[in-house]
Amino acid sequence: MDLRGWGAHGAAVERLRASYAAIPAGAPVRLAKKTSNLFRPRAATSAPGLDVSGLDGVIAIDPVARTADVQGMCTYEDLVDATLPHGLIPYVVPQLRTITLGGAVTGLGIESTSFRNGLPHESVLEMDVFTGAGEVVTCSPGPDGEHSDLFDAFPNSYGSLGYATRLRIALEPVPGHVALRHVRFDDLGLLSKTIAEIAETSLYDGERVDAFDGVAFEPGEYYLSLARWSDEGGPTSDYTGMDIYYRSIQGRETDLLTMYDYLWRWDTDWFWCSGAFGVQNPRVRRLWPKRWRRSDVYHKLIGLDRRIGFADWLDRRQGKPLRERVIQDIEVPVERLPDFLEWFDEAVGMRPVWLCPCKALRDWPTYPLEKDHLYVNAGFWGTVHVGPDALDGPRNRAIEATVHELGGHKSLYSEAFYDRDTFDDLYDGANLAAVKGRYDPEDRLTSLYDKAVKRQ
């Protein structure tokens, strides 16, 4: 694997500094990058973006210390390609290949190891942040860490406090295979209880569980997919071809994947969202190039449709009500999961729903999940026909209010509607503003509220 190296990294940071200096005062500051995993609209701008070219690789790996120094724009796909030959992976590998390490830390990420390893930022040992003052600040966790206030507030700040140029992360040793069991549940109460027990003991039916997530297909049809890291070989499944991973959950009780294929099991069909493009139709799938069966390709197609409005035009031609795009990830305490899913079935009716247990291993002010308390992430991504009110986001607003009532939080990569006081209460607005004032004294960077709610 060709690592980027420290000299090349330093040169890339200098290009970033120069591009920042060229942005006029008062103009919005954004990354000049081709891909994004955000789903909230943004105001158009003609201002030049920050030059992040050369900040998208792995700088160095220490297999003995089990650490990696990684540039902020490095995708998890490239990171895994560098670490897996050493028998190592990041403690949490988000589901989609083109999520960047910096993006997962500043915007949060999650995956099936999050019940024991927390979220991606919890395995960060230190990071360099390019701030609104045009400086690179090295920060590390407290209480004695350098610039620990910035380190602590950075997760869930979405670029409002700066951009990570380098992150040193801890790595986890793994074998070459993953043995899977798909266990069906008919009762939401039992599902919630079982999730809590597995998260507490890392066991199910006497067998070790290294990772797990789940899918709610229909009311009364829920599955947990229990993963055990394994040195055992044998025939493995391939879900990058004609077979589709999420369908296998309903069709088989056990499975065996390579570690690599397990990490990207959801990416090939963007969970189940590739169906919107016909890619799950066997005839289309045979013709659809394998290199295009990726989440970033589908994301670009969604962006194209938003620009030309083809789906809305087709609905009008067919006399269907206007669609509301409901693309969200939320977390609720595990004991409130039945309440949320029952409400969601009645009020929204979108299926399937991804379920991923997670916990915060320490206090993080800007995304204040209760430390060591188990939450379940529910992810749902699609559209609902609601009629002329669709543009006002009635389903998204109702989800937001319900999650708040249940003591949960929602990710801010998609649409948000909170009033300022509620937003500041949920995401520690006073502390966030104080940290921003220290590291961005001229207020060059857009605030988190303006990014997430006002969509600037």
Protein backbone atom coordinates (compact mmCIF):
# COMPACT_ATOMS: atom_id res chain seq x y z
CA MET A 1 0.00 0.00 0.00
CA ASP A 2 1.41 3.40 -1.03
CA LEU A 3 1.17 5.58 2.05
CA ARG A 4 1.00 9.35 1.68
CA GLY A 5 3.96 10.19 3.94
CA TRP A 6 4.61 13.16 6.22
CA GLY A 7 6.27 15.37 3.59
CA ALA A 8 3.36 15.10 1.18
CA HIS A 9 0.97 15.73 4.04
CA GLY A 10 2.75 18.95 5.02
CA ALA A 11 2.59 20.21 1.44
CA ALA A 12 -1.14 19.47 1.26
CA VAL A 13 -1.77 21.40 4.48
CA GLU A 14 0.07 24.40 3.02
CA ARG A 15 -2.18 24.29 -0.06
CA LEU A 16 -5.16 24.27 2.27
CA ARG A 17 -3.81 27.34 4.10
CA ALA A 18 -3.27 29.19 0.82
CA SER A 19 -6.76 28.42 -0.45
CA TYR A 20 -8.27 29.63 2.81
CA ALA A 21 -6.35 32.90 2.59
CA ALA A 22 -7.78 33.42 -0.91
CA ILE A 23 -11.40 33.25 0.26
CA PRO A 24 -12.75 36.79 0.74
CA ALA A 25 -13.83 37.80 4.21
CA GLY A 26 -17.54 37.21 4.62
CA ALA A 27 -17.69 34.54 1.90
CA PRO A 28 -18.82 31.06 2.96
CA VAL A 29 -16.05 28.57 3.69
CA ARG A 30 -16.58 25.10 2.26
CA LEU A 31 -14.54 22.13 1.23
CA ALA A 32 -13.88 21.79 -2.48
CA LYS A 33 -14.65 18.09 -2.78
CA LYS A 34 -16.55 15.98 -5.29
CA THR A 35 -18.41 13.60 -2.99
CA SER A 36 -20.72 14.12 -0.05
CA ASN A 37 -22.85 11.97 2.23
CA LEU A 38 -25.00 14.90 3.35
CA PHE A 39 -28.70 14.98 2.54
CA ARG A 40 -29.66 18.49 3.52
CA PRO A 41 -29.92 21.26 0.93
CA ARG A 42 -27.40 24.08 1.02
CA ALA A 43 -27.47 27.62 -0.28
CA ALA A 44 -25.66 28.01 -3.59
CA THR A 45 -22.36 29.86 -3.63
CA SER A 46 -19.80 30.82 -6.24
CA ALA A 47 -17.01 31.30 -3.71
CA PRO A 48 -13.97 29.05 -4.14
CA GLY A 49 -13.76 26.09 -1.79
CA LEU A 50 -10.90 24.96 0.41
CA ASP A 51 -8.27 23.03 -1.52
CA VAL A 52 -8.19 19.61 0.12
CA SER A 53 -6.29 17.90 -2.68
CA GLY A 54 -3.64 15.66 -1.22
CA LEU A 55 -5.47 15.32 2.10
CA ASP A 56 -7.23 12.09 1.20
CA GLY A 57 -4.75 9.37 2.12
CA VAL A 58 -3.14 7.37 4.90
CA ILE A 59 0.08 8.94 6.17
CA ALA A 60 1.51 6.09 8.22
CA ILE A 61 0.53 2.87 10.00
CA ASP A 62 2.17 1.47 13.12
CA PRO A 63 1.18 -2.22 13.24
CA VAL A 64 2.88 -2.71 16.61
CA ALA A 65 1.18 0.19 18.37
CA ARG A 66 -1.96 -0.51 16.32
CA THR A 67 -2.39 3.08 15.26
CA ALA A 68 -2.72 4.94 11.99
CA ASP A 69 -2.16 8.57 11.08
CA VAL A 70 -4.81 9.40 8.52
CA GLN A 71 -5.69 12.55 6.58
CA GLY A 72 -9.11 14.02 7.14
CA MET A 73 -10.40 13.46 3.60
CA CYS A 74 -9.32 9.82 3.46
CA THR A 75 -12.26 7.52 2.78
CA TYR A 76 -12.83 4.47 4.92
CA GLU A 77 -12.48 2.41 1.76
CA ASP A 78 -8.90 3.59 1.31
CA LEU A 79 -8.21 3.36 5.04
CA VAL A 80 -9.37 -0.25 5.25
CA ASP A 81 -7.32 -1.10 2.15
CA ALA A 82 -4.25 0.13 4.05
CA THR A 83 -4.95 -1.44 7.46
CA LEU A 84 -6.51 -4.80 6.62
CA PRO A 85 -3.28 -6.31 5.17
CA HIS A 86 -1.87 -5.83 8.70
CA GLY A 87 -4.87 -7.66 10.20
CA LEU A 88 -6.20 -4.36 11.59
CA ILE A 89 -9.27 -2.20 11.08
CA PRO A 90 -10.59 1.01 12.66
CA TYR A 91 -12.63 0.34 15.79
CA VAL A 92 -15.74 1.53 13.95
CA VAL A 93 -16.01 1.35 10.15
CA PRO A 94 -19.11 3.23 8.90
CA GLN A 95 -21.24 1.39 6.38
CA LEU A 96 -20.46 3.37 3.24
CA ARG A 97 -17.14 3.30 1.42
CA THR A 98 -16.81 7.01 0.66
CA ILE A 99 -17.49 8.32 4.15
CA THR A 100 -14.29 10.10 5.15
CA LEU A 101 -12.57 9.74 8.48
CA GLY A 102 -12.81 13.48 9.13
CA GLY A 103 -16.46 13.42 8.10
CA ALA A 104 -17.28 10.52 10.43
CA VAL A 105 -15.69 12.35 13.36
CA THR A 106 -17.10 15.81 12.76
CA GLY A 107 -20.44 14.46 11.51
CA LEU A 108 -20.67 11.19 13.47
CA GLY A 109 -20.68 7.66 12.15
CA ILE A 110 -21.89 4.31 13.42
CA GLU A 111 -21.68 0.62 12.68
CA SER A 112 -22.20 -2.81 14.15
CA THR A 113 -19.23 -2.57 16.56
CA SER A 114 -20.62 0.62 18.13
CA PHE A 115 -22.26 -1.24 21.01
CA ARG A 116 -18.75 -1.92 22.40
CA ASN A 117 -16.52 0.64 20.63
CA GLY A 118 -18.78 3.70 20.63
CA LEU A 119 -18.72 6.06 17.66
CA PRO A 120 -15.72 6.71 15.36
CA HIS A 121 -14.44 9.71 17.31
CA GLU A 122 -14.00 7.62 20.47
CA SER A 123 -10.95 5.84 19.05
CA VAL A 124 -9.26 9.09 17.97
CA LEU A 125 -6.06 9.65 19.96
CA GLU A 126 -5.26 13.12 18.64
CA MET A 127 -6.07 15.27 15.64
CA ASP A 128 -4.94 18.34 13.77
CA VAL A 129 -7.78 20.77 13.10
CA PHE A 130 -7.61 23.63 10.63
CA THR A 131 -9.55 26.35 12.44
CA GLY A 132 -11.43 29.46 11.42
CA ALA A 133 -8.38 31.48 12.46
CA GLY A 134 -6.43 29.82 9.62
CA GLU A 135 -4.27 27.85 12.04
CA VAL A 136 -3.63 24.15 12.45
CA VAL A 137 -4.20 23.16 16.07
CA THR A 138 -3.18 19.75 17.44
CA CYS A 139 -5.71 18.65 20.02
CA SER A 140 -6.05 15.59 22.22
CA PRO A 141 -8.46 14.33 24.89
CA GLY A 142 -8.51 15.82 28.37
CA PRO A 143 -8.28 16.50 31.19
CA ASP A 144 -4.64 17.25 30.48
CA GLY A 145 -4.88 17.07 26.68
CA GLU A 146 -3.75 19.98 24.56
CA HIS A 147 -6.71 22.00 23.28
CA SER A 148 -9.04 19.41 24.79
CA ASP A 149 -11.96 21.84 24.59
CA LEU A 150 -11.75 21.72 20.79
CA PHE A 151 -11.21 17.95 20.82
CA ASP A 152 -14.33 17.39 22.93
CA ALA A 153 -16.60 19.74 20.99
CA PHE A 154 -15.46 18.64 17.53
CA PRO A 155 -17.69 15.52 17.14
CA ASN A 156 -21.03 16.56 15.61
CA SER A 157 -19.77 20.05 14.77
CA TYR A 158 -19.95 19.51 10.98
CA GLY A 159 -17.15 21.87 10.08
CA SER A 160 -18.41 24.72 12.24
CA LEU A 161 -15.24 24.47 14.38
CA GLY A 162 -12.83 23.65 11.57
CA TYR A 163 -11.69 20.70 9.50
CA ALA A 164 -9.58 17.75 10.57
CA THR A 165 -6.43 17.53 8.46
CA ARG A 166 -4.88 14.61 10.36
CA LEU A 167 -6.22 12.10 12.85
CA ARG A 168 -4.32 9.48 14.79
CA ILE A 169 -6.63 6.58 15.51
CA ALA A 170 -6.42 3.29 17.37
CA LEU A 171 -6.87 0.11 15.35
CA GLU A 172 -8.43 -3.23 16.27
CA PRO A 173 -6.92 -6.62 15.34
CA VAL A 174 -9.27 -8.84 13.33
CA PRO A 175 -9.14 -12.24 11.61
CA GLY A 176 -10.00 -12.86 7.98
CA HIS A 177 -13.62 -13.95 8.24
CA VAL A 178 -16.93 -13.13 9.90
CA ALA A 179 -19.47 -15.78 10.85
CA LEU A 180 -23.04 -14.48 10.87
CA ARG A 181 -26.28 -15.60 12.47
CA HIS A 182 -29.58 -13.97 11.54
CA VAL A 183 -32.09 -14.34 14.39
CA ARG A 184 -35.75 -13.47 13.89
CA PHE A 185 -37.95 -11.79 16.49
CA ASP A 186 -41.71 -11.28 16.38
CA ASP A 187 -42.03 -9.17 19.51
CA LEU A 188 -40.55 -5.68 19.89
CA GLY A 189 -40.22 -6.00 23.64
CA LEU A 190 -38.17 -9.18 23.34
CA LEU A 191 -36.09 -7.62 20.57
CA SER A 192 -35.25 -4.62 22.76
CA LYS A 193 -34.46 -6.82 25.76
CA THR A 194 -32.19 -9.06 23.67
CA ILE A 195 -30.32 -6.08 22.22
CA ALA A 196 -29.63 -4.85 25.75
CA GLU A 197 -28.47 -8.27 26.94
CA ILE A 198 -26.09 -8.78 24.00
CA ALA A 199 -24.64 -5.31 24.45
CA GLU A 200 -24.04 -6.04 28.13
CA THR A 201 -22.50 -9.51 27.77
CA SER A 202 -21.24 -9.71 24.13
CA LEU A 203 -22.93 -13.13 24.08
CA TYR A 204 -26.01 -14.69 22.55
CA ASP A 205 -27.02 -18.27 23.28
CA GLY A 206 -23.54 -18.86 24.70
CA GLU A 207 -21.69 -17.67 21.59
CA ARG A 208 -19.49 -14.56 21.38
CA VAL A 209 -20.84 -11.53 19.54
CA ASP A 210 -18.22 -9.13 18.18
CA ALA A 211 -20.62 -6.97 16.18
CA PHE A 212 -24.35 -6.82 15.58
CA ASP A 213 -27.06 -4.80 13.93
CA GLY A 214 -30.62 -5.48 12.84
CA VAL A 215 -33.39 -4.84 10.37
CA ALA A 216 -37.08 -4.22 10.99
CA PHE A 217 -38.75 -5.43 7.80
CA GLU A 218 -42.40 -5.26 8.84
CA PRO A 219 -44.35 -5.00 12.09
CA GLY A 220 -43.73 -8.37 13.72
CA GLU A 221 -40.71 -9.23 11.55
CA TYR A 222 -37.43 -8.13 13.08
CA TYR A 223 -33.93 -9.60 12.74
CA LEU A 224 -30.65 -9.27 14.56
CA SER A 225 -27.54 -10.12 12.56
CA LEU A 226 -24.93 -11.38 15.02
CA ALA A 227 -21.32 -11.33 13.84
CA ARG A 228 -18.43 -13.32 15.26
CA TRP A 229 -14.87 -12.64 14.12
CA SER A 230 -13.53 -15.98 12.87
CA ASP A 231 -10.26 -17.57 11.78
CA GLU A 232 -12.18 -20.43 10.22
CA GLY A 233 -12.26 -20.56 6.45
CA GLY A 234 -14.82 -22.12 4.14
CA PRO A 235 -17.11 -21.07 1.30
CA THR A 236 -18.06 -17.41 1.61
CA SER A 237 -21.01 -15.46 0.22
CA ASP A 238 -20.58 -12.70 -2.33
CA TYR A 239 -23.12 -9.88 -2.24
CA THR A 240 -21.40 -7.73 -4.83
CA GLY A 241 -22.86 -9.85 -7.65
CA MET A 242 -26.41 -11.01 -8.27
CA ASP A 243 -27.19 -11.78 -4.62
CA ILE A 244 -28.37 -8.96 -2.36
CA TYR A 245 -27.26 -8.84 1.26
CA TYR A 246 -30.36 -7.52 2.99
CA ARG A 247 -32.53 -10.17 1.36
CA SER A 248 -30.24 -12.89 2.69
CA ILE A 249 -31.15 -11.86 6.24
CA GLN A 250 -34.67 -13.19 5.75
CA GLY A 251 -33.59 -16.21 3.75
CA ARG A 252 -30.81 -17.87 5.74
CA GLU A 253 -29.95 -18.40 9.39
CA THR A 254 -26.14 -18.48 9.03
CA ASP A 255 -23.57 -17.02 6.66
CA LEU A 256 -19.83 -16.58 6.23
CA LEU A 257 -18.18 -13.51 4.76
CA THR A 258 -14.63 -12.30 4.42
CA MET A 259 -13.86 -9.45 6.80
CA TYR A 260 -13.57 -7.12 3.82
CA ASP A 261 -16.97 -8.09 2.43
CA TYR A 262 -18.57 -7.84 5.85
CA LEU A 263 -17.35 -4.27 6.28
CA TRP A 264 -18.90 -3.24 2.94
CA ARG A 265 -21.95 -5.52 2.99
CA TRP A 266 -24.31 -2.54 3.01
CA ASP A 267 -22.51 -0.40 0.46
CA THR A 268 -23.17 -2.46 -2.70
CA ASP A 269 -26.91 -1.78 -2.59
CA TRP A 270 -26.82 1.27 -0.31
CA PHE A 271 -28.59 -0.90 2.22
CA TRP A 272 -31.77 -1.50 0.16
CA CYS A 273 -31.99 1.87 -1.58
CA SER A 274 -30.58 0.59 -4.89
CA GLY A 275 -34.08 -0.72 -5.56
CA ALA A 276 -35.16 2.84 -6.42
CA PHE A 277 -32.90 2.63 -9.48
CA GLY A 278 -34.04 -0.84 -10.54
CA VAL A 279 -30.67 -2.37 -9.62
CA GLN A 280 -32.34 -5.18 -7.65
CA ASN A 281 -34.20 -6.33 -10.77
CA PRO A 282 -32.14 -9.31 -12.05
CA ARG A 283 -32.34 -8.09 -15.66
CA VAL A 284 -31.10 -4.63 -14.76
CA ARG A 285 -28.52 -5.99 -12.33
CA ARG A 286 -26.87 -8.11 -15.01
CA LEU A 287 -26.42 -5.03 -17.17
CA TRP A 288 -25.52 -2.60 -14.39
CA PRO A 289 -21.69 -2.51 -14.22
CA LYS A 290 -20.33 -3.94 -11.00
CA ARG A 291 -18.17 -0.86 -10.48
CA TRP A 292 -21.40 1.20 -10.33
CA ARG A 293 -22.94 -0.89 -7.54
CA ARG A 294 -21.74 1.56 -4.91
CA SER A 295 -23.35 4.03 -2.56
CA ASP A 296 -21.56 7.05 -4.04
CA VAL A 297 -22.97 6.27 -7.51
CA TYR A 298 -26.52 6.08 -6.14
CA HIS A 299 -25.96 9.29 -4.19
CA LYS A 300 -24.95 11.08 -7.39
CA LEU A 301 -28.10 9.79 -9.11
CA ILE A 302 -30.19 11.17 -6.25
CA GLY A 303 -28.47 14.53 -6.69
CA LEU A 304 -29.18 14.45 -10.40
CA ASP A 305 -32.85 13.74 -9.78
CA ARG A 306 -33.05 16.62 -7.32
CA ARG A 307 -31.69 18.94 -9.99
CA ILE A 308 -33.97 17.80 -12.82
CA GLY A 309 -37.00 16.67 -10.78
CA PHE A 310 -37.63 13.52 -12.82
CA ALA A 311 -39.25 11.51 -9.99
CA ASP A 312 -41.62 14.38 -9.15
CA TRP A 313 -42.49 14.79 -12.83
CA LEU A 314 -43.24 11.06 -13.11
CA ASP A 315 -45.46 11.18 -10.02
CA ARG A 316 -47.43 14.06 -11.50
CA ARG A 317 -47.87 12.14 -14.75
CA GLN A 318 -49.21 9.18 -12.77
CA GLY A 319 -51.43 11.32 -10.55
CA LYS A 320 -49.56 10.45 -7.36
CA PRO A 321 -49.25 12.85 -4.41
CA LEU A 322 -46.02 14.79 -3.98
CA ARG A 323 -43.26 12.90 -2.18
CA GLU A 324 -41.52 13.92 1.02
CA ARG A 325 -37.95 12.67 1.29
CA VAL A 326 -37.50 11.06 4.68
CA ILE A 327 -33.79 10.38 5.09
CA GLN A 328 -32.77 10.23 8.73
CA ASP A 329 -30.71 8.45 11.36
CA ILE A 330 -31.86 8.83 14.94
CA GLU A 331 -30.92 7.33 18.29
CA VAL A 332 -33.35 6.45 21.05
CA PRO A 333 -32.62 4.72 24.38
CA VAL A 334 -32.93 0.96 23.90
CA GLU A 335 -35.89 0.76 26.25
CA ARG A 336 -37.80 3.27 24.09
CA LEU A 337 -37.12 1.44 20.81
CA PRO A 338 -40.53 -0.32 20.83
CA ASP A 339 -42.27 3.02 21.38
CA PHE A 340 -40.44 4.60 18.46
CA LEU A 341 -40.95 1.77 15.99
CA GLU A 342 -44.63 1.41 16.83
CA TRP A 343 -45.11 5.14 16.36
CA PHE A 344 -43.04 5.12 13.17
CA ASP A 345 -45.12 2.30 11.65
CA GLU A 346 -48.30 4.25 12.28
CA ALA A 347 -47.13 7.76 11.43
CA VAL A 348 -44.65 7.16 8.60
CA GLY A 349 -44.96 3.54 7.48
CA MET A 350 -41.57 3.30 5.79
CA ARG A 351 -39.80 -0.06 5.73
CA PRO A 352 -37.24 -1.54 6.14
CA VAL A 353 -35.58 0.25 9.06
CA TRP A 354 -31.95 -0.36 10.00
CA LEU A 355 -31.22 -0.89 13.70
CA CYS A 356 -27.76 -0.42 15.18
CA PRO A 357 -27.02 -0.45 18.93
CA CYS A 358 -24.50 2.08 20.18
CA LYS A 359 -23.24 3.72 23.34
CA ALA A 360 -21.05 6.68 24.19
CA LEU A 361 -17.99 5.61 26.14
CA ARG A 362 -17.51 9.07 27.65
CA ASP A 363 -19.28 12.44 27.72
CA TRP A 364 -19.29 14.38 24.44
CA PRO A 365 -20.92 17.78 24.85
CA THR A 366 -22.03 18.42 21.27
CA TYR A 367 -23.81 15.06 20.94
CA PRO A 368 -24.79 14.35 24.53
CA LEU A 369 -25.77 10.70 24.61
CA GLU A 370 -25.81 9.54 28.22
CA LYS A 371 -22.47 7.88 28.93
CA ASP A 372 -22.58 4.04 28.91
CA HIS A 373 -26.32 4.01 28.30
CA LEU A 374 -27.33 1.85 25.34
CA TYR A 375 -29.10 3.55 22.46
CA VAL A 376 -30.36 2.11 19.20
CA ASN A 377 -29.83 3.95 15.95
CA ALA A 378 -32.78 3.68 13.59
CA GLY A 379 -31.97 4.51 9.99
CA PHE A 380 -34.65 5.01 7.34
CA TRP A 381 -34.10 6.40 3.90
CA GLY A 382 -36.70 6.90 1.22
CA THR A 383 -39.79 8.86 0.25
CA VAL A 384 -43.40 9.01 1.41
CA HIS A 385 -46.31 10.30 -0.67
CA VAL A 386 -47.87 13.07 1.44
CA GLY A 387 -49.34 15.56 -1.07
CA PRO A 388 -48.96 19.34 -1.30
CA ASP A 389 -47.63 19.65 2.27
CA ALA A 390 -44.52 17.64 1.35
CA LEU A 391 -42.35 20.73 0.94
CA ASP A 392 -42.98 21.64 4.59
CA GLY A 393 -41.53 18.30 5.76
CA PRO A 394 -44.44 17.12 7.96
CA ARG A 395 -43.10 13.58 8.43
CA ASN A 396 -39.57 14.80 9.16
CA ARG A 397 -40.88 17.35 11.64
CA ALA A 398 -42.97 14.69 13.39
CA ILE A 399 -39.96 12.35 13.62
CA GLU A 400 -37.86 15.14 15.08
CA ALA A 401 -40.45 15.91 17.75
CA THR A 402 -41.01 12.26 18.65
CA VAL A 403 -37.31 11.49 18.98
CA HIS A 404 -36.99 14.51 21.29
CA GLU A 405 -39.92 13.27 23.41
CA LEU A 406 -38.33 9.82 23.73
CA GLY A 407 -35.05 11.22 25.03
CA GLY A 408 -33.11 10.60 21.83
CA HIS A 409 -31.10 12.56 19.29
CA LYS A 410 -30.93 12.75 15.53
CA SER A 411 -27.99 13.03 13.21
CA LEU A 412 -27.68 16.35 11.43
CA TYR A 413 -26.57 15.12 7.99
CA SER A 414 -30.14 15.53 6.78
CA GLU A 415 -32.91 18.06 7.31
CA ALA A 416 -33.54 19.58 10.74
CA PHE A 417 -36.25 22.02 11.85
CA TYR A 418 -35.48 22.85 15.49
CA ASP A 419 -35.96 26.36 16.79
CA ARG A 420 -32.77 27.89 18.10
CA ASP A 421 -33.45 27.37 21.81
CA THR A 422 -34.33 23.70 21.39
CA PHE A 423 -31.31 23.14 19.16
CA ASP A 424 -28.95 24.77 21.65
CA ASP A 425 -30.46 22.72 24.47
CA LEU A 426 -29.98 19.44 22.58
CA TYR A 427 -26.52 20.12 21.17
CA ASP A 428 -24.93 22.20 23.93
CA GLY A 429 -25.13 25.43 21.99
CA ALA A 430 -23.57 27.63 24.68
CA ASN A 431 -20.39 25.53 24.92
CA LEU A 432 -20.23 25.17 21.14
CA ALA A 433 -20.41 28.95 20.73
CA ALA A 434 -17.71 29.47 23.36
CA VAL A 435 -15.33 27.01 21.68
CA LYS A 436 -16.07 28.54 18.28
CA GLY A 437 -15.28 31.99 19.67
CA ARG A 438 -11.87 30.82 20.88
CA TYR A 439 -10.80 29.13 17.64
CA ASP A 440 -12.72 31.23 15.11
CA PRO A 441 -12.66 34.74 16.64
CA GLU A 442 -13.65 36.47 13.38
CA ASP A 443 -16.57 34.06 12.85
CA ARG A 444 -15.36 32.93 9.43
CA LEU A 445 -16.97 29.47 9.64
CA THR A 446 -20.71 28.92 9.45
CA SER A 447 -22.26 27.99 12.80
CA LEU A 448 -23.68 24.52 13.36
CA TYR A 449 -27.24 25.84 13.67
CA ASP A 450 -26.95 27.78 10.43
CA LYS A 451 -25.53 24.72 8.66
CA ALA A 452 -27.97 22.17 10.00
CA VAL A 453 -31.20 24.15 10.19
CA LYS A 454 -30.84 27.28 8.07
CA ARG A 455 -28.93 25.23 5.42
CA GLN A 456 -26.29 27.82 4.70
